[in-house]
Amino acid sequence: MIAEYLSGSGIAEAKALIERSGLSFDTEFDEMFGLYEAGHLIAVGARSGKILKMLALDPDYQGGSVLGELVTCLVNRGQAAGHQSLFVYTKPEYATTFKALNFELLANQEKVALLEYGHGLKHWLEANGDLRHPGLKGAVVMNCNPFTRGHRYLIETAARQVDWLYLFVVREDRSVFPFDVRFDLVKAGVGDLANVIVLDSSHYIVSGATF
């Protein structure tokens, strides 16, 4: 079985399999692939940026190698598109299956588990390990589109209550001002506050992946 790029009537066929599997069909995706057996669509999955979604298998093919073949195809396509880390959501009971495919569990709650391929969070933590400090710490997440005096006031207020304040700037570029501009404005705006550490939120805070 080789994954095939789906378009036209293939999308309609995939939609039927996805909905039969109890999932919602989402029209927002970059590409969709399917696996066929004797002309019958047995598995489907899509990629939207760095997020793998709508992974559905025919019940007769669950528990074998089909999911691994499909996920490998989607991961390879995502990496070819320039994404070092890829994310997938699944029911908590399926998290172990994805861990066997080299995904790492990032979060798990009653209805959904979030996993990552590529160890991006581990690398991010290692890269910023020297920013750990003793004492009472706080965290603020801001978009700052752009940075204003109101942001400055909120940051000053928070910084007075802790020894160290970690200020995470949302990386996702869905704002008028691009991330690089917003990040530089924030760093310049709080440069005189000695206990404020400005950090890139990467993919892990207020992003398409975590939402």
N, C-alpha and C. Protein backbone atom coordinates (compact mmCIF):
# COMPACT_ATOMS: atom_id res chain seq x y z
N MET A 1 0.85 -1.20 0.00
CA MET A 1 0.00 0.00 0.00
C MET A 1 0.88 1.24 0.00
N ILE A 2 0.59 2.15 -0.90
CA ILE A 2 1.34 3.40 -1.01
C ILE A 2 0.36 4.55 -0.84
N ALA A 3 0.72 5.54 -0.02
CA ALA A 3 -0.16 6.68 0.20
C ALA A 3 -0.33 7.46 -1.10
N GLU A 4 -1.55 7.84 -1.38
CA GLU A 4 -1.86 8.60 -2.57
C GLU A 4 -2.41 9.97 -2.19
N TYR A 5 -1.97 10.98 -2.93
CA TYR A 5 -2.50 12.34 -2.71
C TYR A 5 -3.96 12.36 -3.14
N LEU A 6 -4.83 12.89 -2.30
CA LEU A 6 -6.25 12.89 -2.59
C LEU A 6 -6.73 14.25 -3.06
N SER A 7 -7.55 14.24 -4.08
CA SER A 7 -8.18 15.46 -4.59
C SER A 7 -9.50 15.05 -5.24
N GLY A 8 -10.33 16.03 -5.56
CA GLY A 8 -11.58 15.76 -6.25
C GLY A 8 -12.44 14.73 -5.55
N SER A 9 -12.78 13.66 -6.29
CA SER A 9 -13.66 12.62 -5.73
C SER A 9 -12.99 11.90 -4.57
N GLY A 10 -11.65 11.88 -4.54
CA GLY A 10 -10.94 11.25 -3.43
C GLY A 10 -11.22 11.95 -2.11
N ILE A 11 -11.37 13.27 -2.15
CA ILE A 11 -11.68 14.04 -0.94
C ILE A 11 -13.06 13.66 -0.42
N ALA A 12 -14.01 13.52 -1.33
CA ALA A 12 -15.37 13.15 -0.93
C ALA A 12 -15.38 11.76 -0.29
N GLU A 13 -14.59 10.84 -0.84
CA GLU A 13 -14.48 9.50 -0.29
C GLU A 13 -13.84 9.55 1.09
N ALA A 14 -12.81 10.40 1.22
CA ALA A 14 -12.14 10.55 2.50
C ALA A 14 -13.08 11.14 3.55
N LYS A 15 -13.86 12.11 3.14
CA LYS A 15 -14.82 12.74 4.05
C LYS A 15 -15.78 11.70 4.62
N ALA A 16 -16.23 10.79 3.78
CA ALA A 16 -17.15 9.76 4.25
C ALA A 16 -16.49 8.85 5.28
N LEU A 17 -15.22 8.47 5.03
CA LEU A 17 -14.51 7.61 5.98
C LEU A 17 -14.26 8.35 7.29
N ILE A 18 -13.87 9.60 7.20
CA ILE A 18 -13.62 10.41 8.40
C ILE A 18 -14.88 10.51 9.26
N GLU A 19 -16.00 10.80 8.63
CA GLU A 19 -17.24 10.96 9.39
C GLU A 19 -17.75 9.62 9.92
N ARG A 20 -17.52 8.52 9.18
CA ARG A 20 -17.90 7.20 9.69
C ARG A 20 -17.08 6.84 10.93
N SER A 21 -15.91 7.43 11.03
CA SER A 21 -15.03 7.17 12.18
C SER A 21 -15.35 8.05 13.37
N GLY A 22 -16.39 8.86 13.25
CA GLY A 22 -16.81 9.70 14.37
C GLY A 22 -16.05 11.00 14.48
N LEU A 23 -15.33 11.39 13.41
CA LEU A 23 -14.58 12.64 13.39
C LEU A 23 -15.29 13.67 12.53
N SER A 24 -14.96 14.93 12.76
CA SER A 24 -15.51 16.01 11.94
C SER A 24 -14.59 16.29 10.77
N PHE A 25 -15.16 16.50 9.60
CA PHE A 25 -14.36 16.84 8.43
C PHE A 25 -14.09 18.33 8.44
N ASP A 26 -12.82 18.69 8.32
CA ASP A 26 -12.37 20.08 8.36
C ASP A 26 -11.82 20.45 6.99
N THR A 27 -12.37 21.47 6.37
CA THR A 27 -11.93 21.86 5.03
C THR A 27 -10.59 22.59 5.03
N GLU A 28 -10.10 22.95 6.22
CA GLU A 28 -8.83 23.68 6.30
C GLU A 28 -7.66 22.70 6.41
N PHE A 29 -7.01 22.39 5.30
CA PHE A 29 -5.82 21.55 5.32
C PHE A 29 -4.99 21.84 4.08
N ASP A 30 -3.69 21.55 4.19
CA ASP A 30 -2.77 21.78 3.07
C ASP A 30 -2.77 20.62 2.09
N GLU A 31 -2.84 19.41 2.61
CA GLU A 31 -2.86 18.23 1.75
C GLU A 31 -3.44 17.05 2.50
N MET A 32 -3.99 16.12 1.73
CA MET A 32 -4.62 14.94 2.31
C MET A 32 -4.15 13.70 1.54
N PHE A 33 -3.90 12.63 2.29
CA PHE A 33 -3.43 11.39 1.68
C PHE A 33 -4.30 10.23 2.14
N GLY A 34 -4.36 9.21 1.28
CA GLY A 34 -5.12 8.02 1.61
C GLY A 34 -4.36 6.76 1.25
N LEU A 35 -4.70 5.68 1.91
CA LEU A 35 -4.15 4.36 1.61
C LEU A 35 -5.27 3.48 1.06
N TYR A 36 -4.97 2.75 -0.01
CA TYR A 36 -5.97 1.92 -0.67
C TYR A 36 -5.57 0.44 -0.63
N GLU A 37 -6.56 -0.41 -0.53
CA GLU A 37 -6.38 -1.85 -0.61
C GLU A 37 -7.42 -2.38 -1.60
N ALA A 38 -6.94 -2.92 -2.72
CA ALA A 38 -7.85 -3.45 -3.76
C ALA A 38 -8.86 -2.40 -4.18
N GLY A 39 -8.39 -1.14 -4.33
CA GLY A 39 -9.26 -0.07 -4.79
C GLY A 39 -10.16 0.52 -3.72
N HIS A 40 -10.04 0.04 -2.50
CA HIS A 40 -10.89 0.50 -1.40
C HIS A 40 -10.08 1.39 -0.46
N LEU A 41 -10.59 2.59 -0.17
CA LEU A 41 -9.90 3.51 0.74
C LEU A 41 -9.98 2.97 2.17
N ILE A 42 -8.83 2.68 2.76
CA ILE A 42 -8.82 2.07 4.09
C ILE A 42 -8.28 3.00 5.17
N ALA A 43 -7.63 4.09 4.77
CA ALA A 43 -7.09 5.03 5.76
C ALA A 43 -6.92 6.39 5.11
N VAL A 44 -7.08 7.43 5.90
CA VAL A 44 -6.94 8.79 5.40
C VAL A 44 -6.37 9.68 6.50
N GLY A 45 -5.62 10.69 6.10
CA GLY A 45 -5.09 11.66 7.05
C GLY A 45 -4.72 12.93 6.31
N ALA A 46 -4.71 14.04 7.02
CA ALA A 46 -4.42 15.33 6.40
C ALA A 46 -3.38 16.08 7.21
N ARG A 47 -2.77 17.06 6.58
CA ARG A 47 -1.79 17.93 7.25
C ARG A 47 -2.17 19.38 7.00
N SER A 48 -2.22 20.14 8.09
CA SER A 48 -2.44 21.58 8.01
C SER A 48 -1.25 22.25 8.68
N GLY A 49 -0.29 22.73 7.87
CA GLY A 49 0.94 23.26 8.44
C GLY A 49 1.67 22.16 9.20
N LYS A 50 1.89 22.39 10.48
CA LYS A 50 2.61 21.42 11.31
C LYS A 50 1.67 20.49 12.09
N ILE A 51 0.39 20.52 11.75
CA ILE A 51 -0.59 19.73 12.48
C ILE A 51 -1.13 18.60 11.61
N LEU A 52 -1.07 17.37 12.12
CA LEU A 52 -1.67 16.23 11.45
C LEU A 52 -3.09 16.08 11.98
N LYS A 53 -4.03 15.86 11.08
CA LYS A 53 -5.43 15.87 11.51
C LYS A 53 -6.26 14.88 10.68
N MET A 54 -7.46 14.64 11.14
CA MET A 54 -8.44 13.78 10.45
C MET A 54 -7.85 12.42 10.09
N LEU A 55 -7.14 11.82 11.01
CA LEU A 55 -6.60 10.48 10.80
C LEU A 55 -7.70 9.45 11.07
N ALA A 56 -8.09 8.73 10.04
CA ALA A 56 -9.18 7.77 10.17
C ALA A 56 -8.83 6.48 9.45
N LEU A 57 -9.17 5.35 10.08
CA LEU A 57 -8.89 4.03 9.51
C LEU A 57 -10.17 3.22 9.42
N ASP A 58 -10.27 2.44 8.36
CA ASP A 58 -11.33 1.46 8.26
C ASP A 58 -11.19 0.50 9.46
N PRO A 59 -12.27 0.18 10.16
CA PRO A 59 -12.17 -0.68 11.35
C PRO A 59 -11.47 -2.01 11.10
N ASP A 60 -11.58 -2.54 9.88
CA ASP A 60 -10.96 -3.83 9.58
C ASP A 60 -9.43 -3.76 9.51
N TYR A 61 -8.87 -2.52 9.47
CA TYR A 61 -7.43 -2.36 9.31
C TYR A 61 -6.79 -1.69 10.53
N GLN A 62 -7.53 -1.56 11.60
CA GLN A 62 -6.97 -0.98 12.81
C GLN A 62 -6.13 -2.00 13.54
N GLY A 63 -5.06 -1.53 14.16
CA GLY A 63 -4.20 -2.41 14.94
C GLY A 63 -3.04 -2.99 14.16
N GLY A 64 -2.94 -2.69 12.87
CA GLY A 64 -1.82 -3.18 12.06
C GLY A 64 -0.84 -2.08 11.73
N SER A 65 -0.24 -2.20 10.55
CA SER A 65 0.79 -1.24 10.15
C SER A 65 0.26 -0.06 9.35
N VAL A 66 -1.05 -0.05 9.08
CA VAL A 66 -1.63 0.97 8.20
C VAL A 66 -1.43 2.38 8.76
N LEU A 67 -1.73 2.56 10.04
CA LEU A 67 -1.58 3.89 10.64
C LEU A 67 -0.14 4.36 10.54
N GLY A 68 0.81 3.47 10.80
CA GLY A 68 2.22 3.84 10.73
C GLY A 68 2.62 4.30 9.34
N GLU A 69 2.12 3.61 8.30
CA GLU A 69 2.43 3.99 6.93
C GLU A 69 1.88 5.37 6.61
N LEU A 70 0.65 5.62 7.03
CA LEU A 70 0.01 6.90 6.76
C LEU A 70 0.70 8.05 7.50
N VAL A 71 0.99 7.83 8.78
CA VAL A 71 1.64 8.87 9.58
C VAL A 71 3.04 9.17 9.05
N THR A 72 3.77 8.14 8.65
CA THR A 72 5.10 8.34 8.08
C THR A 72 5.04 9.22 6.84
N CYS A 73 4.05 8.98 5.99
CA CYS A 73 3.86 9.80 4.80
C CYS A 73 3.62 11.26 5.19
N LEU A 74 2.71 11.49 6.14
CA LEU A 74 2.37 12.86 6.54
C LEU A 74 3.54 13.56 7.21
N VAL A 75 4.29 12.82 8.04
CA VAL A 75 5.47 13.41 8.70
C VAL A 75 6.51 13.80 7.66
N ASN A 76 6.76 12.91 6.71
CA ASN A 76 7.75 13.22 5.66
C ASN A 76 7.34 14.45 4.85
N ARG A 77 6.06 14.55 4.54
CA ARG A 77 5.57 15.71 3.79
C ARG A 77 5.69 16.99 4.63
N GLY A 78 5.40 16.88 5.91
CA GLY A 78 5.53 18.06 6.78
C GLY A 78 6.96 18.52 6.90
N GLN A 79 7.89 17.58 7.03
CA GLN A 79 9.30 17.94 7.13
C GLN A 79 9.79 18.53 5.81
N ALA A 80 9.32 17.99 4.69
CA ALA A 80 9.70 18.53 3.39
C ALA A 80 9.19 19.96 3.22
N ALA A 81 8.09 20.27 3.91
CA ALA A 81 7.54 21.63 3.84
C ALA A 81 8.24 22.57 4.81
N GLY A 82 9.22 22.05 5.58
CA GLY A 82 10.02 22.90 6.45
C GLY A 82 9.64 22.89 7.92
N HIS A 83 8.77 21.95 8.33
CA HIS A 83 8.36 21.89 9.73
C HIS A 83 9.21 20.86 10.47
N GLN A 84 10.01 21.32 11.42
CA GLN A 84 10.86 20.42 12.19
C GLN A 84 10.06 19.62 13.22
N SER A 85 9.00 20.22 13.72
CA SER A 85 8.12 19.55 14.67
C SER A 85 6.74 19.44 14.07
N LEU A 86 6.08 18.32 14.35
CA LEU A 86 4.71 18.11 13.89
C LEU A 86 3.87 17.63 15.06
N PHE A 87 2.61 17.99 15.05
CA PHE A 87 1.73 17.71 16.18
C PHE A 87 0.53 16.90 15.73
N VAL A 88 0.01 16.10 16.66
CA VAL A 88 -1.20 15.34 16.39
C VAL A 88 -2.05 15.31 17.65
N TYR A 89 -3.38 15.36 17.44
CA TYR A 89 -4.34 15.20 18.54
C TYR A 89 -4.99 13.84 18.40
N THR A 90 -5.25 13.21 19.49
CA THR A 90 -5.94 11.93 19.45
C THR A 90 -6.65 11.71 20.78
N LYS A 91 -7.46 10.67 20.83
CA LYS A 91 -8.07 10.31 22.09
C LYS A 91 -6.98 9.77 23.02
N PRO A 92 -7.08 10.02 24.32
CA PRO A 92 -6.04 9.58 25.25
C PRO A 92 -5.70 8.10 25.14
N GLU A 93 -6.69 7.27 24.84
CA GLU A 93 -6.42 5.83 24.77
C GLU A 93 -5.56 5.46 23.56
N TYR A 94 -5.41 6.37 22.59
CA TYR A 94 -4.58 6.09 21.42
C TYR A 94 -3.19 6.72 21.51
N ALA A 95 -2.91 7.41 22.61
CA ALA A 95 -1.62 8.09 22.75
C ALA A 95 -0.45 7.11 22.67
N THR A 96 -0.62 5.95 23.27
CA THR A 96 0.45 4.94 23.25
C THR A 96 0.79 4.52 21.83
N THR A 97 -0.22 4.44 20.97
CA THR A 97 0.01 4.08 19.57
C THR A 97 0.92 5.08 18.89
N PHE A 98 0.68 6.36 19.13
CA PHE A 98 1.52 7.38 18.50
C PHE A 98 2.89 7.47 19.15
N LYS A 99 2.98 7.17 20.43
CA LYS A 99 4.29 7.13 21.08
C LYS A 99 5.16 6.04 20.45
N ALA A 100 4.52 4.96 20.01
CA ALA A 100 5.26 3.89 19.33
C ALA A 100 5.75 4.35 17.95
N LEU A 101 5.17 5.43 17.44
CA LEU A 101 5.58 6.00 16.15
C LEU A 101 6.52 7.19 16.35
N ASN A 102 7.14 7.26 17.53
CA ASN A 102 8.14 8.29 17.88
C ASN A 102 7.55 9.67 18.15
N PHE A 103 6.27 9.70 18.53
CA PHE A 103 5.68 10.95 19.01
C PHE A 103 5.86 11.02 20.52
N GLU A 104 5.98 12.23 21.03
CA GLU A 104 6.15 12.45 22.46
C GLU A 104 4.90 13.11 23.02
N LEU A 105 4.36 12.59 24.12
CA LEU A 105 3.16 13.13 24.74
C LEU A 105 3.48 14.47 25.41
N LEU A 106 2.76 15.53 25.01
CA LEU A 106 2.95 16.85 25.60
C LEU A 106 1.88 17.18 26.63
N ALA A 107 0.65 16.78 26.34
CA ALA A 107 -0.45 17.09 27.25
C ALA A 107 -1.53 16.04 27.10
N ASN A 108 -2.23 15.78 28.20
CA ASN A 108 -3.26 14.76 28.20
C ASN A 108 -4.35 15.18 29.16
N GLN A 109 -5.57 15.21 28.68
CA GLN A 109 -6.69 15.47 29.58
C GLN A 109 -7.81 14.50 29.25
N GLU A 110 -8.97 14.74 29.78
CA GLU A 110 -10.03 13.73 29.73
C GLU A 110 -10.40 13.31 28.31
N LYS A 111 -10.45 14.25 27.37
CA LYS A 111 -10.98 13.95 26.04
C LYS A 111 -9.94 13.93 24.92
N VAL A 112 -8.79 14.52 25.15
CA VAL A 112 -7.82 14.64 24.06
C VAL A 112 -6.39 14.61 24.57
N ALA A 113 -5.51 14.06 23.75
CA ALA A 113 -4.08 14.07 24.04
C ALA A 113 -3.37 14.79 22.90
N LEU A 114 -2.33 15.56 23.23
CA LEU A 114 -1.53 16.28 22.24
C LEU A 114 -0.13 15.68 22.24
N LEU A 115 0.34 15.27 21.07
CA LEU A 115 1.67 14.67 20.94
C LEU A 115 2.46 15.40 19.87
N GLU A 116 3.79 15.32 20.00
CA GLU A 116 4.69 16.01 19.06
C GLU A 116 5.72 15.05 18.48
N TYR A 117 5.99 15.20 17.22
CA TYR A 117 7.06 14.47 16.55
C TYR A 117 8.21 15.44 16.32
N GLY A 118 9.41 15.09 16.75
CA GLY A 118 10.57 15.94 16.52
C GLY A 118 11.25 16.45 17.78
N HIS A 119 10.67 16.18 18.97
CA HIS A 119 11.30 16.56 20.26
C HIS A 119 11.55 18.06 20.35
N GLY A 120 10.69 18.85 19.72
CA GLY A 120 10.89 20.30 19.73
C GLY A 120 10.83 20.92 21.11
N LEU A 121 9.90 20.47 21.95
CA LEU A 121 9.79 21.04 23.30
C LEU A 121 11.04 20.75 24.11
N LYS A 122 11.54 19.52 24.01
CA LYS A 122 12.76 19.15 24.72
C LYS A 122 13.93 20.04 24.27
N HIS A 123 14.06 20.26 22.98
CA HIS A 123 15.14 21.11 22.46
C HIS A 123 14.97 22.55 22.91
N TRP A 124 13.71 23.03 22.94
CA TRP A 124 13.45 24.41 23.36
C TRP A 124 13.85 24.58 24.82
N LEU A 125 13.49 23.63 25.66
CA LEU A 125 13.83 23.71 27.08
C LEU A 125 15.34 23.67 27.30
N GLU A 126 16.02 22.81 26.55
CA GLU A 126 17.48 22.73 26.68
C GLU A 126 18.15 24.03 26.23
N ALA A 127 17.64 24.62 25.16
CA ALA A 127 18.23 25.85 24.63
C ALA A 127 18.07 27.02 25.60
N ASN A 128 17.02 26.98 26.43
CA ASN A 128 16.76 28.08 27.36
C ASN A 128 17.03 27.69 28.81
N GLY A 129 17.76 26.60 29.01
CA GLY A 129 18.01 26.11 30.36
C GLY A 129 18.76 27.09 31.25
N ASP A 130 19.61 27.94 30.64
CA ASP A 130 20.39 28.86 31.45
C ASP A 130 19.55 30.04 31.97
N LEU A 131 18.28 30.11 31.58
CA LEU A 131 17.41 31.19 32.04
C LEU A 131 16.63 30.81 33.30
N ARG A 132 16.92 29.62 33.83
CA ARG A 132 16.29 29.21 35.08
C ARG A 132 16.97 29.92 36.24
N HIS A 133 16.16 30.45 37.14
CA HIS A 133 16.70 31.18 38.30
C HIS A 133 15.94 30.77 39.55
N PRO A 134 16.60 30.83 40.71
CA PRO A 134 15.90 30.53 41.96
C PRO A 134 14.99 31.68 42.35
N GLY A 135 14.09 31.40 43.24
CA GLY A 135 13.19 32.45 43.72
C GLY A 135 11.78 32.28 43.20
N LEU A 136 10.93 33.23 43.57
CA LEU A 136 9.53 33.21 43.16
C LEU A 136 9.44 33.66 41.69
N LYS A 137 8.79 32.84 40.88
CA LYS A 137 8.72 33.14 39.45
C LYS A 137 7.28 33.29 38.99
N GLY A 138 7.10 34.10 37.97
CA GLY A 138 5.79 34.29 37.36
C GLY A 138 5.92 34.26 35.85
N ALA A 139 4.79 34.15 35.17
CA ALA A 139 4.80 34.10 33.71
C ALA A 139 3.66 34.92 33.13
N VAL A 140 3.93 35.56 32.02
CA VAL A 140 2.93 36.34 31.30
C VAL A 140 3.03 35.96 29.83
N VAL A 141 1.89 35.79 29.17
CA VAL A 141 1.85 35.53 27.74
C VAL A 141 1.19 36.72 27.06
N MET A 142 1.87 37.31 26.08
CA MET A 142 1.35 38.49 25.39
C MET A 142 1.57 38.40 23.89
N ASN A 143 0.64 38.97 23.16
CA ASN A 143 0.79 39.07 21.71
C ASN A 143 1.49 40.38 21.35
N CYS A 144 1.03 41.49 21.98
CA CYS A 144 1.64 42.82 21.79
C CYS A 144 1.64 43.22 20.31
N ASN A 145 0.47 43.54 19.82
CA ASN A 145 0.29 43.83 18.40
C ASN A 145 -0.20 45.27 18.17
N PRO A 146 0.65 46.29 18.43
CA PRO A 146 2.05 46.23 18.88
C PRO A 146 2.14 46.42 20.39
N PHE A 147 3.38 46.56 20.89
CA PHE A 147 3.63 46.82 22.31
C PHE A 147 3.16 48.23 22.65
N THR A 148 2.41 48.36 23.76
CA THR A 148 1.85 49.66 24.15
C THR A 148 2.20 49.99 25.61
N ARG A 149 1.84 51.18 26.04
CA ARG A 149 2.04 51.56 27.43
C ARG A 149 1.19 50.69 28.36
N GLY A 150 0.03 50.26 27.86
CA GLY A 150 -0.80 49.36 28.65
C GLY A 150 -0.10 48.04 28.93
N HIS A 151 0.57 47.50 27.91
CA HIS A 151 1.35 46.29 28.11
C HIS A 151 2.45 46.53 29.15
N ARG A 152 3.10 47.66 29.00
CA ARG A 152 4.19 48.00 29.91
C ARG A 152 3.69 48.05 31.36
N TYR A 153 2.53 48.66 31.56
CA TYR A 153 1.97 48.77 32.90
C TYR A 153 1.68 47.38 33.49
N LEU A 154 1.07 46.52 32.68
CA LEU A 154 0.75 45.17 33.15
C LEU A 154 2.01 44.39 33.51
N ILE A 155 3.04 44.52 32.70
CA ILE A 155 4.30 43.81 32.94
C ILE A 155 4.97 44.33 34.20
N GLU A 156 5.01 45.66 34.37
CA GLU A 156 5.60 46.24 35.58
C GLU A 156 4.87 45.74 36.83
N THR A 157 3.52 45.71 36.76
CA THR A 157 2.71 45.27 37.90
C THR A 157 3.03 43.83 38.26
N ALA A 158 3.12 42.98 37.25
CA ALA A 158 3.43 41.57 37.50
C ALA A 158 4.85 41.39 38.01
N ALA A 159 5.79 42.15 37.44
CA ALA A 159 7.21 42.00 37.81
C ALA A 159 7.46 42.39 39.26
N ARG A 160 6.66 43.30 39.80
CA ARG A 160 6.84 43.73 41.19
C ARG A 160 6.44 42.64 42.18
N GLN A 161 5.70 41.64 41.70
CA GLN A 161 5.18 40.62 42.60
C GLN A 161 6.02 39.34 42.64
N VAL A 162 7.07 39.29 41.82
CA VAL A 162 7.90 38.08 41.75
C VAL A 162 9.38 38.45 41.69
N ASP A 163 10.22 37.44 41.88
CA ASP A 163 11.66 37.65 41.72
C ASP A 163 12.03 37.66 40.24
N TRP A 164 11.37 36.79 39.46
CA TRP A 164 11.64 36.69 38.02
C TRP A 164 10.32 36.56 37.28
N LEU A 165 10.18 37.34 36.23
CA LEU A 165 8.97 37.25 35.40
C LEU A 165 9.36 36.82 33.99
N TYR A 166 8.79 35.70 33.56
CA TYR A 166 9.03 35.21 32.20
C TYR A 166 7.91 35.71 31.29
N LEU A 167 8.31 36.50 30.31
CA LEU A 167 7.34 37.12 29.40
C LEU A 167 7.41 36.40 28.05
N PHE A 168 6.39 35.62 27.75
CA PHE A 168 6.34 34.86 26.50
C PHE A 168 5.60 35.67 25.44
N VAL A 169 6.26 35.90 24.32
CA VAL A 169 5.65 36.61 23.20
C VAL A 169 5.13 35.57 22.20
N VAL A 170 3.86 35.67 21.86
CA VAL A 170 3.23 34.70 20.95
C VAL A 170 3.91 34.73 19.59
N ARG A 171 4.41 33.58 19.16
CA ARG A 171 5.12 33.51 17.89
C ARG A 171 4.20 33.48 16.69
N GLU A 172 3.07 32.83 16.80
CA GLU A 172 2.20 32.62 15.65
C GLU A 172 1.90 33.93 14.93
N ASP A 173 2.18 33.97 13.63
CA ASP A 173 2.01 35.20 12.85
C ASP A 173 0.59 35.30 12.30
N ARG A 174 -0.32 35.73 13.17
CA ARG A 174 -1.70 35.97 12.75
C ARG A 174 -2.11 37.38 13.14
N SER A 175 -1.12 38.25 13.26
CA SER A 175 -1.35 39.62 13.71
C SER A 175 -0.92 40.59 12.62
N VAL A 176 -1.27 41.85 12.81
CA VAL A 176 -0.87 42.89 11.85
C VAL A 176 0.64 43.02 11.84
N PHE A 177 1.25 43.02 13.03
CA PHE A 177 2.69 43.13 13.14
C PHE A 177 3.31 41.72 13.21
N PRO A 178 4.29 41.41 12.36
CA PRO A 178 4.90 40.08 12.38
C PRO A 178 5.64 39.84 13.68
N PHE A 179 5.91 38.55 13.96
CA PHE A 179 6.52 38.18 15.23
C PHE A 179 7.84 38.90 15.48
N ASP A 180 8.74 38.93 14.51
CA ASP A 180 10.06 39.54 14.73
C ASP A 180 9.93 41.00 15.17
N VAL A 181 8.98 41.71 14.59
CA VAL A 181 8.77 43.12 14.96
C VAL A 181 8.21 43.20 16.38
N ARG A 182 7.18 42.39 16.67
CA ARG A 182 6.58 42.42 18.00
C ARG A 182 7.59 42.04 19.08
N PHE A 183 8.42 41.03 18.78
CA PHE A 183 9.42 40.57 19.75
C PHE A 183 10.43 41.66 20.06
N ASP A 184 10.92 42.34 19.02
CA ASP A 184 11.91 43.41 19.22
C ASP A 184 11.29 44.59 19.99
N LEU A 185 10.03 44.90 19.71
CA LEU A 185 9.36 46.00 20.41
C LEU A 185 9.22 45.68 21.90
N VAL A 186 8.88 44.42 22.21
CA VAL A 186 8.74 44.02 23.61
C VAL A 186 10.09 44.09 24.32
N LYS A 187 11.13 43.56 23.70
CA LYS A 187 12.45 43.58 24.33
C LYS A 187 12.91 45.00 24.59
N ALA A 188 12.66 45.89 23.63
CA ALA A 188 13.05 47.29 23.83
C ALA A 188 12.20 47.94 24.91
N GLY A 189 10.93 47.56 24.97
CA GLY A 189 10.01 48.20 25.91
C GLY A 189 10.21 47.79 27.35
N VAL A 190 10.86 46.64 27.60
CA VAL A 190 11.06 46.18 28.98
C VAL A 190 12.54 46.03 29.30
N GLY A 191 13.39 46.57 28.46
CA GLY A 191 14.83 46.40 28.62
C GLY A 191 15.37 46.90 29.94
N ASP A 192 14.68 47.84 30.58
CA ASP A 192 15.16 48.39 31.84
C ASP A 192 14.64 47.62 33.05
N LEU A 193 13.80 46.62 32.84
CA LEU A 193 13.26 45.84 33.95
C LEU A 193 14.15 44.61 34.14
N ALA A 194 15.00 44.66 35.15
CA ALA A 194 16.07 43.66 35.29
C ALA A 194 15.56 42.25 35.56
N ASN A 195 14.38 42.12 36.11
CA ASN A 195 13.90 40.78 36.46
C ASN A 195 12.90 40.22 35.43
N VAL A 196 12.81 40.85 34.26
CA VAL A 196 11.90 40.37 33.22
C VAL A 196 12.71 39.69 32.11
N ILE A 197 12.36 38.45 31.82
CA ILE A 197 13.03 37.67 30.78
C ILE A 197 12.06 37.47 29.62
N VAL A 198 12.40 37.96 28.45
CA VAL A 198 11.52 37.86 27.29
C VAL A 198 11.86 36.60 26.51
N LEU A 199 10.83 35.81 26.21
CA LEU A 199 11.02 34.53 25.53
C LEU A 199 10.04 34.39 24.35
N ASP A 200 10.51 33.65 23.38
CA ASP A 200 9.69 33.25 22.24
C ASP A 200 8.80 32.09 22.67
N SER A 201 7.49 32.18 22.48
CA SER A 201 6.59 31.11 22.93
C SER A 201 6.68 29.87 22.06
N SER A 202 7.37 29.94 20.92
CA SER A 202 7.51 28.83 19.99
C SER A 202 6.14 28.28 19.62
N HIS A 203 6.00 26.93 19.53
CA HIS A 203 4.73 26.33 19.11
C HIS A 203 3.84 25.98 20.29
N TYR A 204 4.26 26.33 21.52
CA TYR A 204 3.68 25.67 22.69
C TYR A 204 2.72 26.52 23.51
N ILE A 205 2.62 27.80 23.23
CA ILE A 205 1.73 28.65 23.99
C ILE A 205 0.90 29.49 23.03
N VAL A 206 -0.42 29.43 23.16
CA VAL A 206 -1.34 30.20 22.33
C VAL A 206 -0.97 30.08 20.85
N SER A 207 -1.01 28.86 20.34
CA SER A 207 -0.67 28.62 18.94
C SER A 207 -1.73 27.74 18.30
N GLY A 208 -1.65 27.64 16.97
CA GLY A 208 -2.57 26.76 16.28
C GLY A 208 -2.47 25.34 16.77
N ALA A 209 -1.25 24.94 17.13
CA ALA A 209 -1.03 23.56 17.60
C ALA A 209 -1.73 23.33 18.95
N THR A 210 -1.51 24.22 19.91
CA THR A 210 -2.07 23.99 21.24
C THR A 210 -3.56 24.26 21.28
N PHE A 211 -4.07 25.09 20.38
CA PHE A 211 -5.52 25.29 20.36
C PHE A 211 -6.21 24.13 19.68
